[in-house]
Each structure stands twice: as C-alpha cells, then as structure tokens.
Amino acid sequence: MKILVAEDEKDIRRLVVFTLERAGYEILEAGDGREALRLATENLPDLILLDIMMPFMNGYEVCRKLREKPELKDTPIVLLSAKAQNYEIGEGLQAGANDYLLKPFIPRELAAKVKKMLG
C-alpha cells in the first residue's frame, strides 16, 4: 500500500514517514501543496495525509483539486493539522477529506487510523 505524506515541517514529516514505514507502507513525500498534487496525480496513492498549512497551496485546496480528478475522487484523505476549531475541521471535511487528525498526534494513533482507513 502506498501513502502520500504532504507536510512542510520536516521533523513532523519524518515522524509520520518513520511511523508508517515501520507499519509496512510505501511512502511518497511532499513538502508543499503543489508537489502533493503532482505526486498524487502521478502515483495514485492508496491514502493521502495532508497538512493544512503548506506553501503554494494549502491542504484544503489540494483536497478539493484531488476530488475533481476521477482517478483520485475516492482515495481516502486525512488532514493533519493543529487547527482544532470546529469550523476548520468542517472546512476540511467540506473540501472532501475523509478524516481529520489533530497535531500533536500519537504515532500509534496515526498508524491505527491509517490501517483502519485502508481496511
């Protein structure tokens, strides 16, 4: 199973990648929204983890654009963010995300959520 991790903060991205690789997943990494969109379109991952606050294109925008693509419209998307207000979570779900994980997160919880979403 292939997972795209889009996170501009290197330390957080490294933690996510380490956690998911240990769980047996193949990982693609993006450091900004444009790169995330390109990698998702080229590689068709099984699941996408998107930070909301990223350079060039935020996670909401990336999510909306991914949902417009027939080949990615059903791909599970989880937003990762420190933004915990109800309206921010709502905006993410309206943009097409399947779920929302608040930072800071416990790596074990991240792995469990990913496993659950991938079946």
PDB file of N, CA and C in Angstrom:
ATOM      1  N   MET A   1       0.844  -1.184   0.000  1.00  0.00           N
ATOM      2  CA  MET A   1       0.000   0.000   0.000  1.00  0.00           C
ATOM      3  C   MET A   1       0.883   1.239   0.000  1.00  0.00           C
ATOM      4  N   LYS A   2       0.491   2.200  -0.812  1.00  0.00           N
ATOM      5  CA  LYS A   2       1.261   3.418  -0.993  1.00  0.00           C
ATOM      6  C   LYS A   2       0.529   4.604  -0.355  1.00  0.00           C
ATOM      7  N   ILE A   3       1.265   5.384   0.443  1.00  0.00           N
ATOM      8  CA  ILE A   3       0.683   6.548   1.122  1.00  0.00           C
ATOM      9  C   ILE A   3       1.480   7.790   0.771  1.00  0.00           C
ATOM     10  N   LEU A   4       0.772   8.852   0.409  1.00  0.00           N
ATOM     11  CA  LEU A   4       1.391  10.155   0.180  1.00  0.00           C
ATOM     12  C   LEU A   4       1.297  10.957   1.466  1.00  0.00           C
ATOM     13  N   VAL A   5       2.451  11.448   1.938  1.00  0.00           N
ATOM     14  CA  VAL A   5       2.517  12.294   3.127  1.00  0.00           C
ATOM     15  C   VAL A   5       2.917  13.687   2.673  1.00  0.00           C
ATOM     16  N   ALA A   6       2.008  14.649   2.808  1.00  0.00           N
ATOM     17  CA  ALA A   6       2.274  16.037   2.425  1.00  0.00           C
ATOM     18  C   ALA A   6       2.330  16.887   3.685  1.00  0.00           C
ATOM     19  N   GLU A   7       3.531  17.298   4.039  1.00  0.00           N
ATOM     20  CA  GLU A   7       3.767  18.049   5.275  1.00  0.00           C
ATOM     21  C   GLU A   7       5.000  18.912   5.065  1.00  0.00           C
ATOM     22  N   ASP A   8       4.886  20.226   5.285  1.00  0.00           N
ATOM     23  CA  ASP A   8       6.025  21.109   5.038  1.00  0.00           C
ATOM     24  C   ASP A   8       7.030  21.134   6.187  1.00  0.00           C
ATOM     25  N   GLU A   9       6.622  20.773   7.386  1.00  0.00           N
ATOM     26  CA  GLU A   9       7.557  20.745   8.516  1.00  0.00           C
ATOM     27  C   GLU A   9       8.311  19.418   8.503  1.00  0.00           C
ATOM     28  N   LYS A  10       9.631  19.520   8.226  1.00  0.00           N
ATOM     29  CA  LYS A  10      10.457  18.323   8.028  1.00  0.00           C
ATOM     30  C   LYS A  10      10.414  17.340   9.190  1.00  0.00           C
ATOM     31  N   ASP A  11      10.476  17.843  10.420  1.00  0.00           N
ATOM     32  CA  ASP A  11      10.506  16.944  11.578  1.00  0.00           C
ATOM     33  C   ASP A  11       9.200  16.161  11.713  1.00  0.00           C
ATOM     34  N   ILE A  12       8.081  16.831  11.473  1.00  0.00           N
ATOM     35  CA  ILE A  12       6.779  16.154  11.543  1.00  0.00           C
ATOM     36  C   ILE A  12       6.669  15.144  10.405  1.00  0.00           C
ATOM     37  N   ARG A  13       7.098  15.562   9.213  1.00  0.00           N
ATOM     38  CA  ARG A  13       7.037  14.650   8.062  1.00  0.00           C
ATOM     39  C   ARG A  13       7.891  13.410   8.332  1.00  0.00           C
ATOM     40  N   ARG A  14       9.078  13.602   8.906  1.00  0.00           N
ATOM     41  CA  ARG A  14       9.961  12.473   9.213  1.00  0.00           C
ATOM     42  C   ARG A  14       9.313  11.511  10.203  1.00  0.00           C
ATOM     43  N   LEU A  15       8.640  12.064  11.215  1.00  0.00           N
ATOM     44  CA  LEU A  15       7.960  11.229  12.207  1.00  0.00           C
ATOM     45  C   LEU A  15       6.834  10.412  11.553  1.00  0.00           C
ATOM     46  N   VAL A  16       6.046  11.075  10.707  1.00  0.00           N
ATOM     47  CA  VAL A  16       4.943  10.390  10.020  1.00  0.00           C
ATOM     48  C   VAL A  16       5.498   9.288   9.118  1.00  0.00           C
ATOM     49  N   VAL A  17       6.518   9.628   8.338  1.00  0.00           N
ATOM     50  CA  VAL A  17       7.114   8.656   7.416  1.00  0.00           C
ATOM     51  C   VAL A  17       7.686   7.465   8.190  1.00  0.00           C
ATOM     52  N   PHE A  18       8.438   7.733   9.241  1.00  0.00           N
ATOM     53  CA  PHE A  18       9.024   6.670  10.064  1.00  0.00           C
ATOM     54  C   PHE A  18       7.933   5.755  10.619  1.00  0.00           C
ATOM     55  N   THR A  19       6.889   6.365  11.165  1.00  0.00           N
ATOM     56  CA  THR A  19       5.778   5.602  11.756  1.00  0.00           C
ATOM     57  C   THR A  19       5.124   4.691  10.725  1.00  0.00           C
ATOM     58  N   LEU A  20       4.860   5.228   9.550  1.00  0.00           N
ATOM     59  CA  LEU A  20       4.136   4.461   8.536  1.00  0.00           C
ATOM     60  C   LEU A  20       5.027   3.438   7.831  1.00  0.00           C
ATOM     61  N   GLU A  21       6.294   3.766   7.659  1.00  0.00           N
ATOM     62  CA  GLU A  21       7.206   2.767   7.069  1.00  0.00           C
ATOM     63  C   GLU A  21       7.361   1.572   8.009  1.00  0.00           C
ATOM     64  N   ARG A  22       7.433   1.843   9.315  1.00  0.00           N
ATOM     65  CA  ARG A  22       7.522   0.743  10.295  1.00  0.00           C
ATOM     66  C   ARG A  22       6.274  -0.127  10.260  1.00  0.00           C
ATOM     67  N   ALA A  23       5.152   0.469   9.876  1.00  0.00           N
ATOM     68  CA  ALA A  23       3.903  -0.290   9.779  1.00  0.00           C
ATOM     69  C   ALA A  23       3.795  -1.028   8.438  1.00  0.00           C
ATOM     70  N   GLY A  24       4.822  -0.870   7.578  1.00  0.00           N
ATOM     71  CA  GLY A  24       4.862  -1.636   6.341  1.00  0.00           C
ATOM     72  C   GLY A  24       4.374  -0.936   5.088  1.00  0.00           C
ATOM     73  N   TYR A  25       4.141   0.364   5.159  1.00  0.00           N
ATOM     74  CA  TYR A  25       3.637   1.090   3.998  1.00  0.00           C
ATOM     75  C   TYR A  25       4.770   1.692   3.171  1.00  0.00           C
ATOM     76  N   GLU A  26       4.525   1.823   1.866  1.00  0.00           N
ATOM     77  CA  GLU A  26       5.428   2.544   0.971  1.00  0.00           C
ATOM     78  C   GLU A  26       5.014   4.018   1.038  1.00  0.00           C
ATOM     79  N   ILE A  27       5.989   4.922   1.185  1.00  0.00           N
ATOM     80  CA  ILE A  27       5.675   6.326   1.413  1.00  0.00           C
ATOM     81  C   ILE A  27       6.210   7.222   0.297  1.00  0.00           C
ATOM     82  N   LEU A  28       5.364   8.146  -0.131  1.00  0.00           N
ATOM     83  CA  LEU A  28       5.762   9.245  -1.020  1.00  0.00           C
ATOM     84  C   LEU A  28       5.738  10.500  -0.164  1.00  0.00           C
ATOM     85  N   GLU A  29       6.712  11.391  -0.350  1.00  0.00           N
ATOM     86  CA  GLU A  29       6.786  12.593   0.483  1.00  0.00           C
ATOM     87  C   GLU A  29       6.680  13.856  -0.354  1.00  0.00           C
ATOM     88  N   ALA A  30       5.879  14.802   0.148  1.00  0.00           N
ATOM     89  CA  ALA A  30       5.751  16.119  -0.477  1.00  0.00           C
ATOM     90  C   ALA A  30       5.941  17.182   0.594  1.00  0.00           C
ATOM     91  N   GLY A  31       6.641  18.258   0.234  1.00  0.00           N
ATOM     92  CA  GLY A  31       6.890  19.338   1.178  1.00  0.00           C
ATOM     93  C   GLY A  31       6.009  20.550   0.985  1.00  0.00           C
ATOM     94  N   ASP A  32       5.161  20.526  -0.048  1.00  0.00           N
ATOM     95  CA  ASP A  32       4.231  21.633  -0.277  1.00  0.00           C
ATOM     96  C   ASP A  32       3.023  21.140  -1.061  1.00  0.00           C
ATOM     97  N   GLY A  33       2.031  21.994  -1.177  1.00  0.00           N
ATOM     98  CA  GLY A  33       0.777  21.607  -1.809  1.00  0.00           C
ATOM     99  C   GLY A  33       0.887  21.250  -3.278  1.00  0.00           C
ATOM    100  N   ARG A  34       1.660  22.018  -4.030  1.00  0.00           N
ATOM    101  CA  ARG A  34       1.814  21.731  -5.469  1.00  0.00           C
ATOM    102  C   ARG A  34       2.472  20.375  -5.687  1.00  0.00           C
ATOM    103  N   GLU A  35       3.515  20.101  -4.891  1.00  0.00           N
ATOM    104  CA  GLU A  35       4.206  18.817  -5.005  1.00  0.00           C
ATOM    105  C   GLU A  35       3.267  17.673  -4.619  1.00  0.00           C
ATOM    106  N   ALA A  36       2.449  17.888  -3.625  1.00  0.00           N
ATOM    107  CA  ALA A  36       1.480  16.870  -3.205  1.00  0.00           C
ATOM    108  C   ALA A  36       0.516  16.541  -4.335  1.00  0.00           C
ATOM    109  N   LEU A  37       0.002  17.571  -4.985  1.00  0.00           N
ATOM    110  CA  LEU A  37      -0.936  17.373  -6.089  1.00  0.00           C
ATOM    111  C   LEU A  37      -0.274  16.610  -7.238  1.00  0.00           C
ATOM    112  N   ARG A  38       0.960  16.989  -7.561  1.00  0.00           N
ATOM    113  CA  ARG A  38       1.695  16.329  -8.645  1.00  0.00           C
ATOM    114  C   ARG A  38       1.962  14.857  -8.304  1.00  0.00           C
ATOM    115  N   LEU A  39       2.475  14.601  -7.103  1.00  0.00           N
ATOM    116  CA  LEU A  39       2.783  13.215  -6.717  1.00  0.00           C
ATOM    117  C   LEU A  39       1.534  12.347  -6.649  1.00  0.00           C
ATOM    118  N   ALA A  40       0.441  12.903  -6.155  1.00  0.00           N
ATOM    119  CA  ALA A  40      -0.814  12.137  -6.084  1.00  0.00           C
ATOM    120  C   ALA A  40      -1.291  11.776  -7.482  1.00  0.00           C
ATOM    121  N   THR A  41      -1.237  12.731  -8.393  1.00  0.00           N
ATOM    122  CA  THR A  41      -1.708  12.511  -9.764  1.00  0.00           C
ATOM    123  C   THR A  41      -0.833  11.495 -10.490  1.00  0.00           C
ATOM    124  N   GLU A  42       0.483  11.569 -10.280  1.00  0.00           N
ATOM    125  CA  GLU A  42       1.413  10.675 -10.976  1.00  0.00           C
ATOM    126  C   GLU A  42       1.440   9.267 -10.381  1.00  0.00           C
ATOM    127  N   ASN A  43       1.215   9.141  -9.062  1.00  0.00           N
ATOM    128  CA  ASN A  43       1.419   7.854  -8.384  1.00  0.00           C
ATOM    129  C   ASN A  43       0.152   7.166  -7.880  1.00  0.00           C
ATOM    130  N   LEU A  44      -0.963   7.877  -7.861  1.00  0.00           N
ATOM    131  CA  LEU A  44      -2.232   7.317  -7.396  1.00  0.00           C
ATOM    132  C   LEU A  44      -2.089   6.521  -6.096  1.00  0.00           C
ATOM    133  N   PRO A  45      -1.741   7.202  -4.999  1.00  0.00           N
ATOM    134  CA  PRO A  45      -1.563   6.505  -3.720  1.00  0.00           C
ATOM    135  C   PRO A  45      -2.878   5.916  -3.211  1.00  0.00           C
ATOM    136  N   ASP A  46      -2.758   4.985  -2.264  1.00  0.00           N
ATOM    137  CA  ASP A  46      -3.925   4.347  -1.664  1.00  0.00           C
ATOM    138  C   ASP A  46      -4.553   5.215  -0.572  1.00  0.00           C
ATOM    139  N   LEU A  47      -3.759   6.143  -0.028  1.00  0.00           N
ATOM    140  CA  LEU A  47      -4.232   7.053   1.014  1.00  0.00           C
ATOM    141  C   LEU A  47      -3.350   8.297   0.977  1.00  0.00           C
ATOM    142  N   ILE A  48      -3.931   9.452   1.316  1.00  0.00           N
ATOM    143  CA  ILE A  48      -3.192  10.713   1.305  1.00  0.00           C
ATOM    144  C   ILE A  48      -3.340  11.390   2.663  1.00  0.00           C
ATOM    145  N   LEU A  49      -2.209  11.759   3.262  1.00  0.00           N
ATOM    146  CA  LEU A  49      -2.185  12.542   4.500  1.00  0.00           C
ATOM    147  C   LEU A  49      -1.749  13.955   4.126  1.00  0.00           C
ATOM    148  N   LEU A  50      -2.596  14.936   4.399  1.00  0.00           N
ATOM    149  CA  LEU A  50      -2.322  16.320   4.001  1.00  0.00           C
ATOM    150  C   LEU A  50      -2.270  17.247   5.197  1.00  0.00           C
ATOM    151  N   ASP A  51      -1.188  17.977   5.320  1.00  0.00           N
ATOM    152  CA  ASP A  51      -1.142  19.081   6.272  1.00  0.00           C
ATOM    153  C   ASP A  51      -2.027  20.186   5.691  1.00  0.00           C
ATOM    154  N   ILE A  52      -2.591  21.025   6.535  1.00  0.00           N
ATOM    155  CA  ILE A  52      -3.410  22.119   6.015  1.00  0.00           C
ATOM    156  C   ILE A  52      -2.555  23.319   5.652  1.00  0.00           C
ATOM    157  N   MET A  53      -1.661  23.716   6.547  1.00  0.00           N
ATOM    158  CA  MET A  53      -0.842  24.900   6.315  1.00  0.00           C
ATOM    159  C   MET A  53       0.429  24.507   5.569  1.00  0.00           C
ATOM    160  N   MET A  54       0.413  24.664   4.220  1.00  0.00           N
ATOM    161  CA  MET A  54       1.582  24.347   3.400  1.00  0.00           C
ATOM    162  C   MET A  54       1.823  25.475   2.407  1.00  0.00           C
ATOM    163  N   PRO A  55       3.074  25.615   1.953  1.00  0.00           N
ATOM    164  CA  PRO A  55       3.379  26.621   0.934  1.00  0.00           C
ATOM    165  C   PRO A  55       2.716  26.292  -0.406  1.00  0.00           C
ATOM    166  N   PHE A  56       2.496  27.319  -1.196  1.00  0.00           N
ATOM    167  CA  PHE A  56       1.994  27.272  -2.579  1.00  0.00           C
ATOM    168  C   PHE A  56       0.527  26.883  -2.708  1.00  0.00           C
ATOM    169  N   MET A  57       0.064  25.953  -1.912  1.00  0.00           N
ATOM    170  CA  MET A  57      -1.326  25.521  -1.967  1.00  0.00           C
ATOM    171  C   MET A  57      -1.628  24.842  -0.634  1.00  0.00           C
ATOM    172  N   ASN A  58      -2.666  25.288   0.066  1.00  0.00           N
ATOM    173  CA  ASN A  58      -2.941  24.670   1.369  1.00  0.00           C
ATOM    174  C   ASN A  58      -3.659  23.324   1.199  1.00  0.00           C
ATOM    175  N   GLY A  59      -3.771  22.607   2.299  1.00  0.00           N
ATOM    176  CA  GLY A  59      -4.369  21.279   2.261  1.00  0.00           C
ATOM    177  C   GLY A  59      -5.816  21.258   1.796  1.00  0.00           C
ATOM    178  N   TYR A  60      -6.568  22.308   2.138  1.00  0.00           N
ATOM    179  CA  TYR A  60      -7.964  22.385   1.669  1.00  0.00           C
ATOM    180  C   TYR A  60      -8.000  22.441   0.140  1.00  0.00           C
ATOM    181  N   GLU A  61      -7.139  23.302  -0.441  1.00  0.00           N
ATOM    182  CA  GLU A  61      -7.102  23.453  -1.903  1.00  0.00           C
ATOM    183  C   GLU A  61      -6.673  22.153  -2.574  1.00  0.00           C
ATOM    184  N   VAL A  62      -5.633  21.527  -2.029  1.00  0.00           N
ATOM    185  CA  VAL A  62      -5.156  20.258  -2.596  1.00  0.00           C
ATOM    186  C   VAL A  62      -6.276  19.226  -2.547  1.00  0.00           C
ATOM    187  N   CYS A  63      -6.959  19.155  -1.423  1.00  0.00           N
ATOM    188  CA  CYS A  63      -8.049  18.194  -1.250  1.00  0.00           C
ATOM    189  C   CYS A  63      -9.139  18.413  -2.306  1.00  0.00           C
ATOM    190  N   ARG A  64      -9.544  19.671  -2.485  1.00  0.00           N
ATOM    191  CA  ARG A  64     -10.578  19.969  -3.495  1.00  0.00           C
ATOM    192  C   ARG A  64     -10.134  19.553  -4.892  1.00  0.00           C
ATOM    193  N   LYS A  65      -8.891  19.870  -5.235  1.00  0.00           N
ATOM    194  CA  LYS A  65      -8.376  19.527  -6.568  1.00  0.00           C
ATOM    195  C   LYS A  65      -8.274  18.008  -6.757  1.00  0.00           C
ATOM    196  N   LEU A  66      -7.884  17.294  -5.707  1.00  0.00           N
ATOM    197  CA  LEU A  66      -7.810  15.833  -5.800  1.00  0.00           C
ATOM    198  C   LEU A  66      -9.198  15.243  -6.033  1.00  0.00           C
ATOM    199  N   ARG A  67     -10.197  15.800  -5.389  1.00  0.00           N
ATOM    200  CA  ARG A  67     -11.563  15.282  -5.527  1.00  0.00           C
ATOM    201  C   ARG A  67     -12.141  15.531  -6.917  1.00  0.00           C
ATOM    202  N   GLU A  68     -11.558  16.482  -7.667  1.00  0.00           N
ATOM    203  CA  GLU A  68     -12.007  16.751  -9.039  1.00  0.00           C
ATOM    204  C   GLU A  68     -11.460  15.723 -10.025  1.00  0.00           C
ATOM    205  N   LYS A  69     -10.442  14.987  -9.617  1.00  0.00           N
ATOM    206  CA  LYS A  69      -9.805  14.014 -10.512  1.00  0.00           C
ATOM    207  C   LYS A  69     -10.491  12.658 -10.367  1.00  0.00           C
ATOM    208  N   PRO A  70     -11.068  12.141 -11.474  1.00  0.00           N
ATOM    209  CA  PRO A  70     -11.802  10.872 -11.396  1.00  0.00           C
ATOM    210  C   PRO A  70     -10.991   9.741 -10.762  1.00  0.00           C
ATOM    211  N   GLU A  71      -9.700   9.693 -11.059  1.00  0.00           N
ATOM    212  CA  GLU A  71      -8.868   8.596 -10.562  1.00  0.00           C
ATOM    213  C   GLU A  71      -8.513   8.739  -9.074  1.00  0.00           C
ATOM    214  N   LEU A  72      -8.787   9.908  -8.481  1.00  0.00           N
ATOM    215  CA  LEU A  72      -8.466  10.134  -7.069  1.00  0.00           C
ATOM    216  C   LEU A  72      -9.684  10.505  -6.226  1.00  0.00           C
ATOM    217  N   LYS A  73     -10.842  10.574  -6.850  1.00  0.00           N
ATOM    218  CA  LYS A  73     -12.017  11.080  -6.129  1.00  0.00           C
ATOM    219  C   LYS A  73     -12.428  10.200  -4.942  1.00  0.00           C
ATOM    220  N   ASP A  74     -12.063   8.914  -4.978  1.00  0.00           N
ATOM    221  CA  ASP A  74     -12.430   8.008  -3.886  1.00  0.00           C
ATOM    222  C   ASP A  74     -11.257   7.645  -2.974  1.00  0.00           C
ATOM    223  N   THR A  75     -10.083   8.218  -3.229  1.00  0.00           N
ATOM    224  CA  THR A  75      -8.899   7.936  -2.404  1.00  0.00           C
ATOM    225  C   THR A  75      -9.099   8.542  -1.016  1.00  0.00           C
ATOM    226  N   PRO A  76      -8.902   7.774   0.046  1.00  0.00           N
ATOM    227  CA  PRO A  76      -9.051   8.343   1.394  1.00  0.00           C
ATOM    228  C   PRO A  76      -8.039   9.465   1.641  1.00  0.00           C
ATOM    229  N   ILE A  77      -8.524  10.564   2.196  1.00  0.00           N
ATOM    230  CA  ILE A  77      -7.677  11.713   2.530  1.00  0.00           C
ATOM    231  C   ILE A  77      -7.880  12.041   4.004  1.00  0.00           C
ATOM    232  N   VAL A  78      -6.750  12.142   4.729  1.00  0.00           N
ATOM    233  CA  VAL A  78      -6.770  12.537   6.132  1.00  0.00           C
ATOM    234  C   VAL A  78      -6.009  13.851   6.244  1.00  0.00           C
ATOM    235  N   LEU A  79      -6.655  14.863   6.803  1.00  0.00           N
ATOM    236  CA  LEU A  79      -5.983  16.136   7.042  1.00  0.00           C
ATOM    237  C   LEU A  79      -5.277  16.081   8.387  1.00  0.00           C
ATOM    238  N   LEU A  80      -4.038  16.574   8.414  1.00  0.00           N
ATOM    239  CA  LEU A  80      -3.248  16.679   9.640  1.00  0.00           C
ATOM    240  C   LEU A  80      -3.131  18.157   9.963  1.00  0.00           C
ATOM    241  N   SER A  81      -3.524  18.550  11.169  1.00  0.00           N
ATOM    242  CA  SER A  81      -3.426  19.970  11.476  1.00  0.00           C
ATOM    243  C   SER A  81      -3.486  20.248  12.963  1.00  0.00           C
ATOM    244  N   ALA A  82      -2.884  21.360  13.329  1.00  0.00           N
ATOM    245  CA  ALA A  82      -3.009  21.858  14.701  1.00  0.00           C
ATOM    246  C   ALA A  82      -4.264  22.721  14.817  1.00  0.00           C
ATOM    247  N   LYS A  83      -4.915  23.003  13.680  1.00  0.00           N
ATOM    248  CA  LYS A  83      -6.140  23.802  13.674  1.00  0.00           C
ATOM    249  C   LYS A  83      -7.279  22.947  14.213  1.00  0.00           C
ATOM    250  N   ALA A  84      -7.734  23.276  15.408  1.00  0.00           N
ATOM    251  CA  ALA A  84      -8.691  22.407  16.098  1.00  0.00           C
ATOM    252  C   ALA A  84     -10.091  22.997  16.223  1.00  0.00           C
ATOM    253  N   GLN A  85     -10.321  24.160  15.640  1.00  0.00           N
ATOM    254  CA  GLN A  85     -11.643  24.772  15.731  1.00  0.00           C
ATOM    255  C   GLN A  85     -12.646  23.974  14.884  1.00  0.00           C
ATOM    256  N   ASN A  86     -13.877  23.906  15.351  1.00  0.00           N
ATOM    257  CA  ASN A  86     -14.903  23.145  14.624  1.00  0.00           C
ATOM    258  C   ASN A  86     -15.074  23.610  13.186  1.00  0.00           C
ATOM    259  N   TYR A  87     -15.033  24.934  12.964  1.00  0.00           N
ATOM    260  CA  TYR A  87     -15.227  25.434  11.595  1.00  0.00           C
ATOM    261  C   TYR A  87     -14.060  25.017  10.691  1.00  0.00           C
ATOM    262  N   GLU A  88     -12.848  24.894  11.250  1.00  0.00           N
ATOM    263  CA  GLU A  88     -11.694  24.471  10.456  1.00  0.00           C
ATOM    264  C   GLU A  88     -11.803  22.990  10.095  1.00  0.00           C
ATOM    265  N   ILE A  89     -12.229  22.191  11.043  1.00  0.00           N
ATOM    266  CA  ILE A  89     -12.444  20.769  10.778  1.00  0.00           C
ATOM    267  C   ILE A  89     -13.558  20.619   9.745  1.00  0.00           C
ATOM    268  N   GLY A  90     -14.622  21.384   9.916  1.00  0.00           N
ATOM    269  CA  GLY A  90     -15.735  21.370   8.962  1.00  0.00           C
ATOM    270  C   GLY A  90     -15.305  21.751   7.564  1.00  0.00           C
ATOM    271  N   GLU A  91     -14.445  22.766   7.462  1.00  0.00           N
ATOM    272  CA  GLU A  91     -13.951  23.184   6.144  1.00  0.00           C
ATOM    273  C   GLU A  91     -13.171  22.051   5.478  1.00  0.00           C
ATOM    274  N   GLY A  92     -12.382  21.338   6.273  1.00  0.00           N
ATOM    275  CA  GLY A  92     -11.618  20.214   5.730  1.00  0.00           C
ATOM    276  C   GLY A  92     -12.515  19.105   5.223  1.00  0.00           C
ATOM    277  N   LEU A  93     -13.553  18.800   5.981  1.00  0.00           N
ATOM    278  CA  LEU A  93     -14.479  17.746   5.560  1.00  0.00           C
ATOM    279  C   LEU A  93     -15.282  18.192   4.336  1.00  0.00           C
ATOM    280  N   GLN A  94     -15.654  19.477   4.278  1.00  0.00           N
ATOM    281  CA  GLN A  94     -16.360  20.002   3.100  1.00  0.00           C
ATOM    282  C   GLN A  94     -15.468  19.982   1.863  1.00  0.00           C
ATOM    283  N   ALA A  95     -14.166  20.121   2.067  1.00  0.00           N
ATOM    284  CA  ALA A  95     -13.223  20.101   0.942  1.00  0.00           C
ATOM    285  C   ALA A  95     -13.071  18.690   0.377  1.00  0.00           C
ATOM    286  N   GLY A  96     -13.557  17.692   1.120  1.00  0.00           N
ATOM    287  CA  GLY A  96     -13.516  16.322   0.618  1.00  0.00           C
ATOM    288  C   GLY A  96     -12.692  15.360   1.442  1.00  0.00           C
ATOM    289  N   ALA A  97     -12.143  15.823   2.568  1.00  0.00           N
ATOM    290  CA  ALA A  97     -11.357  14.917   3.418  1.00  0.00           C
ATOM    291  C   ALA A  97     -12.270  13.887   4.070  1.00  0.00           C
ATOM    292  N   ASN A  98     -11.737  12.698   4.287  1.00  0.00           N
ATOM    293  CA  ASN A  98     -12.486  11.643   4.958  1.00  0.00           C
ATOM    294  C   ASN A  98     -12.359  11.725   6.467  1.00  0.00           C
ATOM    295  N   ASP A  99     -11.232  12.278   6.919  1.00  0.00           N
ATOM    296  CA  ASP A  99     -10.988  12.332   8.353  1.00  0.00           C
ATOM    297  C   ASP A  99     -10.007  13.453   8.651  1.00  0.00           C
ATOM    298  N   TYR A 100      -9.811  13.697   9.944  1.00  0.00           N
ATOM    299  CA  TYR A 100      -9.016  14.822  10.417  1.00  0.00           C
ATOM    300  C   TYR A 100      -8.246  14.349  11.640  1.00  0.00           C
ATOM    301  N   LEU A 101      -6.942  14.544  11.651  1.00  0.00           N
ATOM    302  CA  LEU A 101      -6.118  14.146  12.790  1.00  0.00           C
ATOM    303  C   LEU A 101      -5.412  15.383  13.327  1.00  0.00           C
ATOM    304  N   LEU A 102      -5.637  15.657  14.612  1.00  0.00           N
ATOM    305  CA  LEU A 102      -5.053  16.846  15.218  1.00  0.00           C
ATOM    306  C   LEU A 102      -3.599  16.626  15.617  1.00  0.00           C
ATOM    307  N   LYS A 103      -2.776  17.654  15.386  1.00  0.00           N
ATOM    308  CA  LYS A 103      -1.387  17.672  15.869  1.00  0.00           C
ATOM    309  C   LYS A 103      -1.393  18.357  17.223  1.00  0.00           C
ATOM    310  N   PRO A 104      -0.551  17.961  18.155  1.00  0.00           N
ATOM    311  CA  PRO A 104       0.340  16.808  18.025  1.00  0.00           C
ATOM    312  C   PRO A 104      -0.457  15.513  18.151  1.00  0.00           C
ATOM    313  N   PHE A 105      -0.012  14.513  17.442  1.00  0.00           N
ATOM    314  CA  PHE A 105      -0.691  13.220  17.468  1.00  0.00           C
ATOM    315  C   PHE A 105       0.259  12.176  18.049  1.00  0.00           C
ATOM    316  N   ILE A 106      -0.311  11.083  18.482  1.00  0.00           N
ATOM    317  CA  ILE A 106       0.480   9.959  18.975  1.00  0.00           C
ATOM    318  C   ILE A 106       0.730   9.044  17.770  1.00  0.00           C
ATOM    319  N   PRO A 107       1.999   8.746  17.467  1.00  0.00           N
ATOM    320  CA  PRO A 107       2.296   7.935  16.284  1.00  0.00           C
ATOM    321  C   PRO A 107       1.475   6.650  16.188  1.00  0.00           C
ATOM    322  N   ARG A 108       1.263   5.978  17.310  1.00  0.00           N
ATOM    323  CA  ARG A 108       0.477   4.738  17.315  1.00  0.00           C
ATOM    324  C   ARG A 108      -0.957   5.003  16.836  1.00  0.00           C
ATOM    325  N   GLU A 109      -1.516   6.168  17.230  1.00  0.00           N
ATOM    326  CA  GLU A 109      -2.876   6.520  16.784  1.00  0.00           C
ATOM    327  C   GLU A 109      -2.909   6.777  15.283  1.00  0.00           C
ATOM    328  N   LEU A 110      -1.878   7.429  14.778  1.00  0.00           N
ATOM    329  CA  LEU A 110      -1.790   7.681  13.336  1.00  0.00           C
ATOM    330  C   LEU A 110      -1.767   6.352  12.578  1.00  0.00           C
ATOM    331  N   ALA A 111      -0.916   5.431  13.009  1.00  0.00           N
ATOM    332  CA  ALA A 111      -0.815   4.131  12.347  1.00  0.00           C
ATOM    333  C   ALA A 111      -2.136   3.380  12.395  1.00  0.00           C
ATOM    334  N   ALA A 112      -2.819   3.452  13.536  1.00  0.00           N
ATOM    335  CA  ALA A 112      -4.106   2.767  13.687  1.00  0.00           C
ATOM    336  C   ALA A 112      -5.160   3.385  12.774  1.00  0.00           C
ATOM    337  N   LYS A 113      -5.192   4.705  12.681  1.00  0.00           N
ATOM    338  CA  LYS A 113      -6.170   5.377  11.810  1.00  0.00           C
ATOM    339  C   LYS A 113      -5.928   5.011  10.346  1.00  0.00           C
ATOM    340  N   VAL A 114      -4.669   5.005   9.936  1.00  0.00           N
ATOM    341  CA  VAL A 114      -4.322   4.646   8.556  1.00  0.00           C
ATOM    342  C   VAL A 114      -4.730   3.207   8.265  1.00  0.00           C
ATOM    343  N   LYS A 115      -4.399   2.311   9.175  1.00  0.00           N
ATOM    344  CA  LYS A 115      -4.749   0.894   8.988  1.00  0.00           C
ATOM    345  C   LYS A 115      -6.263   0.722   8.857  1.00  0.00           C
ATOM    346  N   LYS A 116      -7.005   1.413   9.705  1.00  0.00           N
ATOM    347  CA  LYS A 116      -8.470   1.330   9.671  1.00  0.00           C
ATOM    348  C   LYS A 116      -9.019   1.853   8.333  1.00  0.00           C
ATOM    349  N   MET A 117      -8.466   2.978   7.862  1.00  0.00           N
ATOM    350  CA  MET A 117      -8.971   3.565   6.626  1.00  0.00           C
ATOM    351  C   MET A 117      -8.648   2.720   5.401  1.00  0.00           C
ATOM    352  N   LEU A 118      -7.546   1.977   5.475  1.00  0.00           N
ATOM    353  CA  LEU A 118      -7.148   1.146   4.341  1.00  0.00           C
ATOM    354  C   LEU A 118      -7.745  -0.262   4.412  1.00  0.00           C
ATOM    355  N   GLY A 119      -8.429  -0.528   5.510  1.00  0.00           N
ATOM    356  CA  GLY A 119      -9.101  -1.821   5.637  1.00  0.00           C
ATOM    357  C   GLY A 119      -8.182  -2.859   6.152  1.00  0.00           C
TER     358      GLY A 119
END
